[in-house]
Amino acid sequence: MKASEVVNLNPAELEERLIELKEDLFYLRMQHATNQLDNPILISQVRKDIARVKTVIRMKQLERAGG
């Protein structure tokens, strides 16, 4: 997921996407623990996506508070 895609989402969609990403991370960690995960790089990609979404959520909160 690119940052430009995340910025265009509204706050409700961002919260929904964050929940989905956290669930994905949980299942990836479970697969990794049971040696069923083929590509462990997916874990770091999902973590970065979570960070992107959280950053955009915070940016939008600051915009609302300041503007």
C-alpha atoms as a PDB file:
ATOM      1  CA  MET A   1       0.000   0.000   0.000  1.00  0.00           C
ATOM      2  CA  LYS A   2       1.390   3.352  -1.014  1.00  0.00           C
ATOM      3  CA  ALA A   3       1.264   6.463   1.129  1.00  0.00           C
ATOM      4  CA  SER A   4      -0.657   8.317  -1.567  1.00  0.00           C
ATOM      5  CA  GLU A   5      -3.415   5.696  -1.359  1.00  0.00           C
ATOM      6  CA  VAL A   6      -3.629   6.050   2.416  1.00  0.00           C
ATOM      7  CA  VAL A   7      -3.851   9.856   2.384  1.00  0.00           C
ATOM      8  CA  ASN A   8      -6.947   9.760   0.159  1.00  0.00           C
ATOM      9  CA  LEU A   9      -8.957   7.656   2.644  1.00  0.00           C
ATOM     10  CA  ASN A  10     -11.380   9.241   5.104  1.00  0.00           C
ATOM     11  CA  PRO A  11     -10.938   8.709   8.881  1.00  0.00           C
ATOM     12  CA  ALA A  12     -13.498   5.891   9.092  1.00  0.00           C
ATOM     13  CA  GLU A  13     -11.821   4.000   6.248  1.00  0.00           C
ATOM     14  CA  LEU A  14      -8.434   4.536   7.896  1.00  0.00           C
ATOM     15  CA  GLU A  15      -9.639   3.031  11.174  1.00  0.00           C
ATOM     16  CA  GLU A  16     -11.149   0.078   9.301  1.00  0.00           C
ATOM     17  CA  ARG A  17      -7.929  -0.451   7.344  1.00  0.00           C
ATOM     18  CA  LEU A  18      -5.894  -0.313  10.565  1.00  0.00           C
ATOM     19  CA  ILE A  19      -8.016  -3.064  12.112  1.00  0.00           C
ATOM     20  CA  GLU A  20      -7.622  -5.214   8.985  1.00  0.00           C
ATOM     21  CA  LEU A  21      -3.852  -4.743   8.972  1.00  0.00           C
ATOM     22  CA  LYS A  22      -3.557  -5.665  12.643  1.00  0.00           C
ATOM     23  CA  GLU A  23      -5.526  -8.854  11.997  1.00  0.00           C
ATOM     24  CA  ASP A  24      -3.298  -9.649   9.031  1.00  0.00           C
ATOM     25  CA  LEU A  25      -0.207  -9.142  11.183  1.00  0.00           C
ATOM     26  CA  PHE A  26      -1.609 -11.445  13.850  1.00  0.00           C
ATOM     27  CA  TYR A  27      -2.249 -14.238  11.352  1.00  0.00           C
ATOM     28  CA  LEU A  28       1.153 -13.761   9.713  1.00  0.00           C
ATOM     29  CA  ARG A  29       2.847 -14.059  13.106  1.00  0.00           C
ATOM     30  CA  MET A  30       0.881 -17.223  13.835  1.00  0.00           C
ATOM     31  CA  GLN A  31       1.919 -18.711  10.506  1.00  0.00           C
ATOM     32  CA  HIS A  32       5.526 -17.737  11.149  1.00  0.00           C
ATOM     33  CA  ALA A  33       5.474 -19.359  14.594  1.00  0.00           C
ATOM     34  CA  THR A  34       4.169 -22.621  13.142  1.00  0.00           C
ATOM     35  CA  ASN A  35       6.599 -22.521  10.192  1.00  0.00           C
ATOM     36  CA  GLN A  36       3.799 -22.184   7.638  1.00  0.00           C
ATOM     37  CA  LEU A  37       4.785 -18.737   6.384  1.00  0.00           C
ATOM     38  CA  ASP A  38       6.460 -18.867   2.976  1.00  0.00           C
ATOM     39  CA  ASN A  39       7.599 -15.238   2.847  1.00  0.00           C
ATOM     40  CA  PRO A  40       8.557 -13.710   6.239  1.00  0.00           C
ATOM     41  CA  ILE A  41       9.116 -10.333   4.570  1.00  0.00           C
ATOM     42  CA  LEU A  42       5.326  -9.950   4.539  1.00  0.00           C
ATOM     43  CA  ILE A  43       5.449  -9.317   8.296  1.00  0.00           C
ATOM     44  CA  SER A  44       7.649  -6.253   7.904  1.00  0.00           C
ATOM     45  CA  GLN A  45       5.564  -4.981   4.985  1.00  0.00           C
ATOM     46  CA  VAL A  46       2.371  -5.175   7.031  1.00  0.00           C
ATOM     47  CA  ARG A  47       4.090  -3.448   9.971  1.00  0.00           C
ATOM     48  CA  LYS A  48       5.130  -0.606   7.664  1.00  0.00           C
ATOM     49  CA  ASP A  49       1.582  -0.345   6.312  1.00  0.00           C
ATOM     50  CA  ILE A  50       0.296  -0.084   9.886  1.00  0.00           C
ATOM     51  CA  ALA A  51       2.783   2.706  10.555  1.00  0.00           C
ATOM     52  CA  ARG A  52       1.674   4.541   7.399  1.00  0.00           C
ATOM     53  CA  VAL A  53      -1.977   4.349   8.378  1.00  0.00           C
ATOM     54  CA  LYS A  54      -1.268   5.501  11.941  1.00  0.00           C
ATOM     55  CA  THR A  55       0.802   8.409  10.640  1.00  0.00           C
ATOM     56  CA  VAL A  56      -1.966   9.581   8.327  1.00  0.00           C
ATOM     57  CA  ILE A  57      -4.555   9.229  11.111  1.00  0.00           C
ATOM     58  CA  ARG A  58      -2.413  11.425  13.340  1.00  0.00           C
ATOM     59  CA  MET A  59      -1.846  13.973  10.569  1.00  0.00           C
ATOM     60  CA  LYS A  60      -5.591  14.262  10.002  1.00  0.00           C
ATOM     61  CA  GLN A  61      -6.218  14.637  13.748  1.00  0.00           C
ATOM     62  CA  LEU A  62      -3.723  17.489  13.906  1.00  0.00           C
ATOM     63  CA  GLU A  63      -5.270  19.154  10.848  1.00  0.00           C
ATOM     64  CA  ARG A  64      -8.719  19.012  12.449  1.00  0.00           C
ATOM     65  CA  ALA A  65      -7.432  20.400  15.751  1.00  0.00           C
ATOM     66  CA  GLY A  66      -5.436  23.161  14.125  1.00  0.00           C
ATOM     67  CA  GLY A  67      -7.858  24.175  11.420  1.00  0.00           C
END
